[in-house]
Amino acid sequence: MDSGERWAKRKGLFQYGDRIQLSDQKGKLYSFTLKEGGSWHSHKGIIEHAQCVGLPEGSFILSTSNTPYFAMRPLYEDFILAMPRGATIVYPKDAADIVGYGDISEGDIVLEAGVGSGALSIALLRAIGDSGALISIERRDDFAEIARKNIELFFGTSPKNWRVLVGSFEEQDFSHAGIQMGTVDRIVLDMLAPWECVEQSATYLRPGGVFIAYVTTTTQLSRTVEALRADRRFTEPYSWESLHRGWHVDSLAVRPDNRMIGHTGFLVRSRRVADGVEAPRTRRRGSKSPIEESEQPG
């Protein structure tokens, strides 16, 4: 079953093989995969998996102690925040920015480095569809294995258009994975030192291809931006962060929530220019043109 067939089952009545999410009266969430003969146990009784099969989403299911549980399929956010982790995840708000501002879409060839627990890989696989290809690189074997398990759990199988390689991005020969130089549509880096990967990125990105890096500190942000500026094969970098703040809405009591998802990381985006062309640079405040610099007294 490929990922498209797998996700076609996210609609309609619950079936064996579906991921289900139960919530109790206090809003606590419980997720599991429906299996023939399976059962879910809690201190408030047992629910047989067979009780769930054939029900529509938004149904109540009673445990053996007559405790009601509300059943839905988990959203991407629900799955990501609850899945096993080997490394800090890329939060849904940042994954959404990467997919959206990186213009990652159906059929794209994407190289990803820094797989971590697989949260971003799942978002990328959903964006590129079955006609795209994702090659993920992870330095640590244990993280790669956690990502494999999470992705298989999310899709119900390991997607045919996904490969995970163990090693350093800048040392990879992607031809062994069927990727030729100058053919990659998008490169997404979530790692400690993405500035070390600018040369390799320029080698594999096609003209017009997008480079996007996710970093957590201002030092990493600065070094990545300056490395892209120094390599004239990339356009002037664009940097930003996203903040997510919920709102409390209860009749006339409308105010920001007391808690919010604040800073999680910075994003940097740039694009590959054509071979033999030097990318134009936006003149920054305080910088001098080459002519002005040459007119200064020596």
C-alpha atoms as a PDB file:
ATOM      1  CA  MET A   1       0.000   0.000   0.000  1.00  0.00           C
ATOM      2  CA  ASP A   2       1.549   3.350  -1.012  1.00  0.00           C
ATOM      3  CA  SER A   3       1.143   6.582   0.922  1.00  0.00           C
ATOM      4  CA  GLY A   4      -1.682   7.788  -1.328  1.00  0.00           C
ATOM      5  CA  GLU A   5      -3.717   4.617  -0.690  1.00  0.00           C
ATOM      6  CA  ARG A   6      -2.903   4.855   3.000  1.00  0.00           C
ATOM      7  CA  TRP A   7      -4.172   8.401   3.319  1.00  0.00           C
ATOM      8  CA  ALA A   8      -7.273   7.664   1.285  1.00  0.00           C
ATOM      9  CA  LYS A   9      -8.409   5.751   4.391  1.00  0.00           C
ATOM     10  CA  ARG A  10      -8.390   8.915   6.500  1.00  0.00           C
ATOM     11  CA  LYS A  11     -11.982   9.439   5.398  1.00  0.00           C
ATOM     12  CA  GLY A  12     -15.132   7.459   6.035  1.00  0.00           C
ATOM     13  CA  LEU A  13     -15.869   4.883   8.701  1.00  0.00           C
ATOM     14  CA  PHE A  14     -13.145   3.546  10.964  1.00  0.00           C
ATOM     15  CA  GLN A  15     -11.456   0.400   9.620  1.00  0.00           C
ATOM     16  CA  TYR A  16      -8.783  -1.956  10.872  1.00  0.00           C
ATOM     17  CA  GLY A  17      -5.402  -0.354  10.196  1.00  0.00           C
ATOM     18  CA  ASP A  18      -6.676   3.160  10.917  1.00  0.00           C
ATOM     19  CA  ARG A  19      -5.131   5.345  13.583  1.00  0.00           C
ATOM     20  CA  ILE A  20      -7.771   6.402  16.120  1.00  0.00           C
ATOM     21  CA  GLN A  21      -7.653   9.059  18.845  1.00  0.00           C
ATOM     22  CA  LEU A  22      -9.840   8.850  21.932  1.00  0.00           C
ATOM     23  CA  SER A  23     -10.414  11.760  24.307  1.00  0.00           C
ATOM     24  CA  ASP A  24     -11.857  11.479  27.804  1.00  0.00           C
ATOM     25  CA  GLN A  25     -14.045  13.956  29.672  1.00  0.00           C
ATOM     26  CA  LYS A  26     -10.961  15.871  30.844  1.00  0.00           C
ATOM     27  CA  GLY A  27      -9.658  16.235  27.291  1.00  0.00           C
ATOM     28  CA  LYS A  28      -6.779  13.762  27.684  1.00  0.00           C
ATOM     29  CA  LEU A  29      -5.898  12.072  24.394  1.00  0.00           C
ATOM     30  CA  TYR A  30      -5.099   8.420  23.691  1.00  0.00           C
ATOM     31  CA  SER A  31      -4.032   7.109  20.262  1.00  0.00           C
ATOM     32  CA  PHE A  32      -3.625   3.608  18.856  1.00  0.00           C
ATOM     33  CA  THR A  33      -3.957   1.655  15.622  1.00  0.00           C
ATOM     34  CA  LEU A  34      -7.035  -0.514  15.153  1.00  0.00           C
ATOM     35  CA  LYS A  35      -6.172  -4.211  14.825  1.00  0.00           C
ATOM     36  CA  GLU A  36      -8.315  -7.315  14.516  1.00  0.00           C
ATOM     37  CA  GLY A  37      -8.703  -8.881  17.946  1.00  0.00           C
ATOM     38  CA  GLY A  38      -7.079  -5.872  19.600  1.00  0.00           C
ATOM     39  CA  SER A  39      -8.201  -4.045  22.730  1.00  0.00           C
ATOM     40  CA  TRP A  40      -7.294  -0.807  24.499  1.00  0.00           C
ATOM     41  CA  HIS A  41      -6.948  -0.858  28.288  1.00  0.00           C
ATOM     42  CA  SER A  42      -7.181   2.004  30.767  1.00  0.00           C
ATOM     43  CA  HIS A  43      -7.965   2.389  34.468  1.00  0.00           C
ATOM     44  CA  LYS A  44     -11.511   3.194  33.347  1.00  0.00           C
ATOM     45  CA  GLY A  45     -12.118  -0.047  31.531  1.00  0.00           C
ATOM     46  CA  ILE A  46     -11.450  -1.726  28.192  1.00  0.00           C
ATOM     47  CA  ILE A  47     -12.484  -0.845  24.653  1.00  0.00           C
ATOM     48  CA  GLU A  48     -12.345  -3.602  22.057  1.00  0.00           C
ATOM     49  CA  HIS A  49     -11.011  -2.419  18.704  1.00  0.00           C
ATOM     50  CA  ALA A  50     -14.004  -4.115  17.075  1.00  0.00           C
ATOM     51  CA  GLN A  51     -16.267  -1.568  18.846  1.00  0.00           C
ATOM     52  CA  CYS A  52     -14.659   1.222  16.808  1.00  0.00           C
ATOM     53  CA  VAL A  53     -14.760  -0.409  13.372  1.00  0.00           C
ATOM     54  CA  GLY A  54     -17.669   0.824  11.268  1.00  0.00           C
ATOM     55  CA  LEU A  55     -18.253   3.990  13.308  1.00  0.00           C
ATOM     56  CA  PRO A  56     -17.944   7.487  11.818  1.00  0.00           C
ATOM     57  CA  GLU A  57     -15.562  10.031  13.309  1.00  0.00           C
ATOM     58  CA  GLY A  58     -17.117  12.087  16.070  1.00  0.00           C
ATOM     59  CA  SER A  59     -18.725   9.091  17.786  1.00  0.00           C
ATOM     60  CA  PHE A  60     -18.749   8.161  21.460  1.00  0.00           C
ATOM     61  CA  ILE A  61     -17.465   4.732  22.482  1.00  0.00           C
ATOM     62  CA  LEU A  62     -18.147   3.218  25.907  1.00  0.00           C
ATOM     63  CA  SER A  63     -15.545   1.283  27.868  1.00  0.00           C
ATOM     64  CA  THR A  64     -16.460  -1.748  29.947  1.00  0.00           C
ATOM     65  CA  SER A  65     -17.020   0.625  32.915  1.00  0.00           C
ATOM     66  CA  ASN A  66     -19.449   2.685  30.795  1.00  0.00           C
ATOM     67  CA  THR A  67     -16.959   5.577  30.545  1.00  0.00           C
ATOM     68  CA  PRO A  68     -17.546   7.509  27.295  1.00  0.00           C
ATOM     69  CA  TYR A  69     -14.624   8.301  24.988  1.00  0.00           C
ATOM     70  CA  PHE A  70     -14.894  10.613  21.983  1.00  0.00           C
ATOM     71  CA  ALA A  71     -13.321   9.128  18.832  1.00  0.00           C
ATOM     72  CA  MET A  72     -11.643  11.004  15.967  1.00  0.00           C
ATOM     73  CA  ARG A  73      -8.737  10.379  13.634  1.00  0.00           C
ATOM     74  CA  PRO A  74      -5.655  12.254  14.919  1.00  0.00           C
ATOM     75  CA  LEU A  75      -4.549  15.337  13.028  1.00  0.00           C
ATOM     76  CA  TYR A  76      -0.936  15.788  11.949  1.00  0.00           C
ATOM     77  CA  GLU A  77      -0.383  18.033  14.982  1.00  0.00           C
ATOM     78  CA  ASP A  78      -1.819  15.421  17.353  1.00  0.00           C
ATOM     79  CA  PHE A  79       0.423  12.688  15.978  1.00  0.00           C
ATOM     80  CA  ILE A  80       3.606  14.790  15.937  1.00  0.00           C
ATOM     81  CA  LEU A  81       3.276  16.040  19.499  1.00  0.00           C
ATOM     82  CA  ALA A  82       2.578  12.545  20.857  1.00  0.00           C
ATOM     83  CA  MET A  83       4.993  10.394  18.837  1.00  0.00           C
ATOM     84  CA  PRO A  84       8.233   8.924  20.276  1.00  0.00           C
ATOM     85  CA  ARG A  85      11.168  11.339  20.010  1.00  0.00           C
ATOM     86  CA  GLY A  86      14.884  10.944  19.624  1.00  0.00           C
ATOM     87  CA  ALA A  87      15.498  14.638  18.998  1.00  0.00           C
ATOM     88  CA  THR A  88      13.506  17.834  19.376  1.00  0.00           C
ATOM     89  CA  ILE A  89      10.793  17.919  16.737  1.00  0.00           C
ATOM     90  CA  VAL A  90      10.103  20.590  14.152  1.00  0.00           C
ATOM     91  CA  TYR A  91       6.795  21.985  15.406  1.00  0.00           C
ATOM     92  CA  PRO A  92       3.796  22.040  13.055  1.00  0.00           C
ATOM     93  CA  LYS A  93       3.922  25.840  12.783  1.00  0.00           C
ATOM     94  CA  ASP A  94       7.506  25.670  11.465  1.00  0.00           C
ATOM     95  CA  ALA A  95       6.811  22.646   9.249  1.00  0.00           C
ATOM     96  CA  ALA A  96       3.921  24.606   7.731  1.00  0.00           C
ATOM     97  CA  ASP A  97       6.227  27.552   7.032  1.00  0.00           C
ATOM     98  CA  ILE A  98       8.841  25.276   5.457  1.00  0.00           C
ATOM     99  CA  VAL A  99       6.289  23.659   3.156  1.00  0.00           C
ATOM    100  CA  GLY A 100       4.510  26.927   2.359  1.00  0.00           C
ATOM    101  CA  TYR A 101       7.384  29.393   2.026  1.00  0.00           C
ATOM    102  CA  GLY A 102       9.585  26.704   0.497  1.00  0.00           C
ATOM    103  CA  ASP A 103       6.855  26.163  -2.125  1.00  0.00           C
ATOM    104  CA  ILE A 104       7.151  22.387  -1.725  1.00  0.00           C
ATOM    105  CA  SER A 105       4.486  20.631  -3.759  1.00  0.00           C
ATOM    106  CA  GLU A 106       3.390  17.541  -5.674  1.00  0.00           C
ATOM    107  CA  GLY A 107       6.184  15.880  -7.639  1.00  0.00           C
ATOM    108  CA  ASP A 108       9.136  17.751  -6.101  1.00  0.00           C
ATOM    109  CA  ILE A 109      12.501  16.075  -5.521  1.00  0.00           C
ATOM    110  CA  VAL A 110      13.576  17.045  -2.000  1.00  0.00           C
ATOM    111  CA  LEU A 111      16.773  16.478  -0.026  1.00  0.00           C
ATOM    112  CA  GLU A 112      16.390  16.777   3.732  1.00  0.00           C
ATOM    113  CA  ALA A 113      19.188  16.708   6.301  1.00  0.00           C
ATOM    114  CA  GLY A 114      18.671  16.306  10.040  1.00  0.00           C
ATOM    115  CA  VAL A 115      15.780  13.842  10.222  1.00  0.00           C
ATOM    116  CA  GLY A 116      15.552  13.795  14.020  1.00  0.00           C
ATOM    117  CA  SER A 117      12.301  12.042  14.925  1.00  0.00           C
ATOM    118  CA  GLY A 118      10.736  12.343  11.460  1.00  0.00           C
ATOM    119  CA  ALA A 119       8.202  15.124  12.120  1.00  0.00           C
ATOM    120  CA  LEU A 120       9.332  17.290   9.211  1.00  0.00           C
ATOM    121  CA  SER A 121       9.820  14.248   6.961  1.00  0.00           C
ATOM    122  CA  ILE A 122       6.121  13.417   7.370  1.00  0.00           C
ATOM    123  CA  ALA A 123       5.116  16.953   6.352  1.00  0.00           C
ATOM    124  CA  LEU A 124       7.428  16.823   3.331  1.00  0.00           C
ATOM    125  CA  LEU A 125       6.137  13.417   2.207  1.00  0.00           C
ATOM    126  CA  ARG A 126       2.555  14.637   2.386  1.00  0.00           C
ATOM    127  CA  ALA A 127       3.459  17.735   0.348  1.00  0.00           C
ATOM    128  CA  ILE A 128       5.312  15.955  -2.483  1.00  0.00           C
ATOM    129  CA  GLY A 129       2.764  13.147  -2.883  1.00  0.00           C
ATOM    130  CA  ASP A 130       3.485   9.812  -4.516  1.00  0.00           C
ATOM    131  CA  SER A 131       4.990  11.424  -7.629  1.00  0.00           C
ATOM    132  CA  GLY A 132       7.750  13.211  -5.673  1.00  0.00           C
ATOM    133  CA  ALA A 133      10.852  11.845  -3.953  1.00  0.00           C
ATOM    134  CA  LEU A 134      12.344  12.548  -0.521  1.00  0.00           C
ATOM    135  CA  ILE A 135      15.897  11.590   0.432  1.00  0.00           C
ATOM    136  CA  SER A 136      16.560  12.164   4.142  1.00  0.00           C
ATOM    137  CA  ILE A 137      20.033  12.242   5.687  1.00  0.00           C
ATOM    138  CA  GLU A 138      20.675  11.703   9.387  1.00  0.00           C
ATOM    139  CA  ARG A 139      24.049  11.430  11.137  1.00  0.00           C
ATOM    140  CA  ARG A 140      22.814   9.253  13.981  1.00  0.00           C
ATOM    141  CA  ASP A 141      21.668   5.679  13.457  1.00  0.00           C
ATOM    142  CA  ASP A 142      19.368   5.747  16.484  1.00  0.00           C
ATOM    143  CA  PHE A 143      17.571   8.897  15.309  1.00  0.00           C
ATOM    144  CA  ALA A 144      17.181   7.438  11.806  1.00  0.00           C
ATOM    145  CA  GLU A 145      15.588   4.311  13.278  1.00  0.00           C
ATOM    146  CA  ILE A 146      13.146   6.337  15.414  1.00  0.00           C
ATOM    147  CA  ALA A 147      12.200   8.353  12.318  1.00  0.00           C
ATOM    148  CA  ARG A 148      11.633   5.161  10.311  1.00  0.00           C
ATOM    149  CA  LYS A 149       9.283   3.783  12.950  1.00  0.00           C
ATOM    150  CA  ASN A 150       7.338   7.049  13.299  1.00  0.00           C
ATOM    151  CA  ILE A 151       6.900   7.414   9.550  1.00  0.00           C
ATOM    152  CA  GLU A 152       5.759   3.804   9.177  1.00  0.00           C
ATOM    153  CA  LEU A 153       3.311   4.310  12.038  1.00  0.00           C
ATOM    154  CA  PHE A 154       1.948   7.517  10.507  1.00  0.00           C
ATOM    155  CA  PHE A 155       1.524   6.215   6.943  1.00  0.00           C
ATOM    156  CA  GLY A 156       0.864   2.587   7.847  1.00  0.00           C
ATOM    157  CA  THR A 157       3.877   1.579   5.744  1.00  0.00           C
ATOM    158  CA  SER A 158       7.240   2.928   4.643  1.00  0.00           C
ATOM    159  CA  PRO A 159       6.550   5.198   1.641  1.00  0.00           C
ATOM    160  CA  LYS A 160       8.117   3.894  -1.574  1.00  0.00           C
ATOM    161  CA  ASN A 161       9.327   7.377  -2.515  1.00  0.00           C
ATOM    162  CA  TRP A 162      11.316   7.905   0.709  1.00  0.00           C
ATOM    163  CA  ARG A 163      14.849   6.857   1.593  1.00  0.00           C
ATOM    164  CA  VAL A 164      16.855   7.609   4.717  1.00  0.00           C
ATOM    165  CA  LEU A 165      20.652   7.651   4.550  1.00  0.00           C
ATOM    166  CA  VAL A 166      22.991   7.702   7.535  1.00  0.00           C
ATOM    167  CA  GLY A 167      25.922  10.093   7.292  1.00  0.00           C
ATOM    168  CA  SER A 168      26.822  13.731   6.697  1.00  0.00           C
ATOM    169  CA  PHE A 169      24.940  15.720   4.064  1.00  0.00           C
ATOM    170  CA  GLU A 170      28.034  17.459   2.752  1.00  0.00           C
ATOM    171  CA  GLU A 171      29.789  14.114   2.126  1.00  0.00           C
ATOM    172  CA  GLN A 172      26.949  12.328   0.336  1.00  0.00           C
ATOM    173  CA  ASP A 173      27.080  11.142  -3.260  1.00  0.00           C
ATOM    174  CA  PHE A 174      23.394  11.235  -4.051  1.00  0.00           C
ATOM    175  CA  SER A 175      23.855   9.554  -7.426  1.00  0.00           C
ATOM    176  CA  HIS A 176      23.725   6.265  -5.494  1.00  0.00           C
ATOM    177  CA  ALA A 177      20.152   7.233  -4.576  1.00  0.00           C
ATOM    178  CA  GLY A 178      19.315   8.113  -8.184  1.00  0.00           C
ATOM    179  CA  ILE A 179      19.699  11.874  -7.680  1.00  0.00           C
ATOM    180  CA  GLN A 180      21.832  13.728 -10.226  1.00  0.00           C
ATOM    181  CA  MET A 181      23.583  17.061  -9.783  1.00  0.00           C
ATOM    182  CA  GLY A 182      21.482  20.072 -10.712  1.00  0.00           C
ATOM    183  CA  THR A 183      18.137  18.217 -10.542  1.00  0.00           C
ATOM    184  CA  VAL A 184      16.921  18.737  -6.967  1.00  0.00           C
ATOM    185  CA  ASP A 185      13.931  21.046  -6.486  1.00  0.00           C
ATOM    186  CA  ARG A 186      14.231  21.737  -2.750  1.00  0.00           C
ATOM    187  CA  ILE A 187      16.855  21.290  -0.031  1.00  0.00           C
ATOM    188  CA  VAL A 188      15.715  21.471   3.602  1.00  0.00           C
ATOM    189  CA  LEU A 189      18.316  21.523   6.374  1.00  0.00           C
ATOM    190  CA  ASP A 190      17.575  21.107  10.087  1.00  0.00           C
ATOM    191  CA  MET A 191      21.048  20.785  11.556  1.00  0.00           C
ATOM    192  CA  LEU A 192      23.719  22.381  13.689  1.00  0.00           C
ATOM    193  CA  ALA A 193      25.834  23.908  10.903  1.00  0.00           C
ATOM    194  CA  PRO A 194      23.881  24.367   7.644  1.00  0.00           C
ATOM    195  CA  TRP A 195      26.480  26.883   6.408  1.00  0.00           C
ATOM    196  CA  GLU A 196      28.824  23.924   5.888  1.00  0.00           C
ATOM    197  CA  CYS A 197      26.322  22.500   3.386  1.00  0.00           C
ATOM    198  CA  VAL A 198      25.969  25.512   1.074  1.00  0.00           C
ATOM    199  CA  GLU A 199      28.513  24.182  -1.457  1.00  0.00           C
ATOM    200  CA  GLN A 200      26.827  20.765  -1.638  1.00  0.00           C
ATOM    201  CA  SER A 201      23.422  22.414  -1.907  1.00  0.00           C
ATOM    202  CA  ALA A 202      24.537  24.543  -4.839  1.00  0.00           C
ATOM    203  CA  THR A 203      25.852  21.410  -6.558  1.00  0.00           C
ATOM    204  CA  TYR A 204      22.567  19.510  -6.410  1.00  0.00           C
ATOM    205  CA  LEU A 205      19.919  22.247  -6.655  1.00  0.00           C
ATOM    206  CA  ARG A 206      18.531  23.053 -10.093  1.00  0.00           C
ATOM    207  CA  PRO A 207      18.370  26.694 -11.220  1.00  0.00           C
ATOM    208  CA  GLY A 208      15.432  28.232  -9.377  1.00  0.00           C
ATOM    209  CA  GLY A 209      15.543  25.526  -6.706  1.00  0.00           C
ATOM    210  CA  VAL A 210      14.947  26.527  -3.100  1.00  0.00           C
ATOM    211  CA  PHE A 211      17.346  26.221  -0.161  1.00  0.00           C
ATOM    212  CA  ILE A 212      15.696  26.455   3.248  1.00  0.00           C
ATOM    213  CA  ALA A 213      17.370  26.004   6.643  1.00  0.00           C
ATOM    214  CA  TYR A 214      15.907  25.742  10.129  1.00  0.00           C
ATOM    215  CA  VAL A 215      18.186  26.926  12.942  1.00  0.00           C
ATOM    216  CA  THR A 216      17.597  27.752  16.599  1.00  0.00           C
ATOM    217  CA  THR A 217      20.129  30.457  17.530  1.00  0.00           C
ATOM    218  CA  THR A 218      21.050  33.888  16.198  1.00  0.00           C
ATOM    219  CA  THR A 219      24.659  32.755  15.732  1.00  0.00           C
ATOM    220  CA  GLN A 220      23.554  29.916  13.455  1.00  0.00           C
ATOM    221  CA  LEU A 221      21.242  32.295  11.623  1.00  0.00           C
ATOM    222  CA  SER A 222      24.030  34.810  11.001  1.00  0.00           C
ATOM    223  CA  ARG A 223      26.554  32.235   9.788  1.00  0.00           C
ATOM    224  CA  THR A 224      24.054  30.613   7.441  1.00  0.00           C
ATOM    225  CA  VAL A 225      22.981  33.920   5.911  1.00  0.00           C
ATOM    226  CA  GLU A 226      26.570  35.108   5.428  1.00  0.00           C
ATOM    227  CA  ALA A 227      27.574  31.791   3.824  1.00  0.00           C
ATOM    228  CA  LEU A 228      24.723  32.111   1.329  1.00  0.00           C
ATOM    229  CA  ARG A 229      25.681  35.727   0.584  1.00  0.00           C
ATOM    230  CA  ALA A 230      29.297  34.754   0.022  1.00  0.00           C
ATOM    231  CA  ASP A 231      28.253  32.084  -2.494  1.00  0.00           C
ATOM    232  CA  ARG A 232      27.024  34.108  -5.454  1.00  0.00           C
ATOM    233  CA  ARG A 233      25.068  31.122  -6.782  1.00  0.00           C
ATOM    234  CA  PHE A 234      22.318  31.955  -4.259  1.00  0.00           C
ATOM    235  CA  THR A 235      19.921  34.877  -4.133  1.00  0.00           C
ATOM    236  CA  GLU A 236      19.846  37.302  -1.208  1.00  0.00           C
ATOM    237  CA  PRO A 237      18.630  35.230   1.792  1.00  0.00           C
ATOM    238  CA  TYR A 238      15.321  35.920   3.497  1.00  0.00           C
ATOM    239  CA  SER A 239      15.116  35.168   7.249  1.00  0.00           C
ATOM    240  CA  TRP A 240      12.172  35.021   9.647  1.00  0.00           C
ATOM    241  CA  GLU A 241      10.577  33.289  12.621  1.00  0.00           C
ATOM    242  CA  SER A 242       6.953  32.434  13.325  1.00  0.00           C
ATOM    243  CA  LEU A 243       5.114  32.771  16.643  1.00  0.00           C
ATOM    244  CA  HIS A 244       1.888  30.944  17.413  1.00  0.00           C
ATOM    245  CA  ARG A 245      -0.534  32.446  19.936  1.00  0.00           C
ATOM    246  CA  GLY A 246      -3.945  30.998  20.664  1.00  0.00           C
ATOM    247  CA  TRP A 247      -6.895  33.075  21.848  1.00  0.00           C
ATOM    248  CA  HIS A 248      -9.364  32.446  24.647  1.00  0.00           C
ATOM    249  CA  VAL A 249     -12.898  33.096  23.367  1.00  0.00           C
ATOM    250  CA  ASP A 250     -15.781  32.705  25.824  1.00  0.00           C
ATOM    251  CA  SER A 251     -18.776  34.935  25.135  1.00  0.00           C
ATOM    252  CA  LEU A 252     -17.511  38.519  25.667  1.00  0.00           C
ATOM    253  CA  ALA A 253     -14.303  37.354  27.344  1.00  0.00           C
ATOM    254  CA  VAL A 254     -11.969  37.466  24.367  1.00  0.00           C
ATOM    255  CA  ARG A 255      -8.244  37.696  25.067  1.00  0.00           C
ATOM    256  CA  PRO A 256      -4.926  36.077  24.165  1.00  0.00           C
ATOM    257  CA  ASP A 257      -4.179  32.787  25.887  1.00  0.00           C
ATOM    258  CA  ASN A 258      -1.818  32.979  28.825  1.00  0.00           C
ATOM    259  CA  ARG A 259       0.502  30.501  27.127  1.00  0.00           C
ATOM    260  CA  MET A 260       1.828  30.520  23.577  1.00  0.00           C
ATOM    261  CA  ILE A 261       4.300  28.709  21.357  1.00  0.00           C
ATOM    262  CA  GLY A 262       6.962  31.386  21.101  1.00  0.00           C
ATOM    263  CA  HIS A 263      10.418  31.093  19.607  1.00  0.00           C
ATOM    264  CA  THR A 264      11.269  27.622  18.350  1.00  0.00           C
ATOM    265  CA  GLY A 265      13.646  28.508  15.531  1.00  0.00           C
ATOM    266  CA  PHE A 266      14.607  30.742  12.627  1.00  0.00           C
ATOM    267  CA  LEU A 267      14.111  29.964   8.953  1.00  0.00           C
ATOM    268  CA  VAL A 268      16.370  31.046   6.107  1.00  0.00           C
ATOM    269  CA  ARG A 269      15.373  30.801   2.451  1.00  0.00           C
ATOM    270  CA  SER A 270      17.366  31.389  -0.713  1.00  0.00           C
ATOM    271  CA  ARG A 271      17.245  30.265  -4.357  1.00  0.00           C
ATOM    272  CA  ARG A 272      19.797  28.838  -6.764  1.00  0.00           C
ATOM    273  CA  VAL A 273      20.595  30.972  -9.786  1.00  0.00           C
ATOM    274  CA  ALA A 274      21.634  29.706 -13.221  1.00  0.00           C
ATOM    275  CA  ASP A 275      25.187  28.488 -13.783  1.00  0.00           C
ATOM    276  CA  GLY A 276      27.525  31.273 -14.828  1.00  0.00           C
ATOM    277  CA  VAL A 277      25.297  33.967 -13.305  1.00  0.00           C
ATOM    278  CA  GLU A 278      26.122  35.919 -10.150  1.00  0.00           C
ATOM    279  CA  ALA A 279      23.081  36.516  -7.997  1.00  0.00           C
ATOM    280  CA  PRO A 280      22.152  40.189  -7.526  1.00  0.00           C
ATOM    281  CA  ARG A 281      22.518  41.517  -4.024  1.00  0.00           C
ATOM    282  CA  THR A 282      20.051  43.863  -2.355  1.00  0.00           C
ATOM    283  CA  ARG A 283      22.017  46.788  -1.051  1.00  0.00           C
ATOM    284  CA  ARG A 284      21.875  46.821   2.736  1.00  0.00           C
ATOM    285  CA  ARG A 285      21.806  49.941   4.899  1.00  0.00           C
ATOM    286  CA  GLY A 286      25.307  51.111   5.651  1.00  0.00           C
ATOM    287  CA  SER A 287      26.909  49.141   2.815  1.00  0.00           C
ATOM    288  CA  LYS A 288      28.870  50.879   0.082  1.00  0.00           C
ATOM    289  CA  SER A 289      28.855  50.161  -3.623  1.00  0.00           C
ATOM    290  CA  PRO A 290      32.140  49.070  -5.267  1.00  0.00           C
ATOM    291  CA  ILE A 291      32.383  52.535  -6.876  1.00  0.00           C
ATOM    292  CA  GLU A 292      31.971  54.326  -3.551  1.00  0.00           C
ATOM    293  CA  GLU A 293      34.535  52.072  -1.947  1.00  0.00           C
ATOM    294  CA  SER A 294      37.066  52.746  -4.736  1.00  0.00           C
ATOM    295  CA  GLU A 295      36.656  56.496  -4.246  1.00  0.00           C
ATOM    296  CA  GLN A 296      37.725  56.336  -0.629  1.00  0.00           C
ATOM    297  CA  PRO A 297      41.242  57.725  -0.008  1.00  0.00           C
ATOM    298  CA  GLY A 298      43.851  55.010   0.233  1.00  0.00           C
END
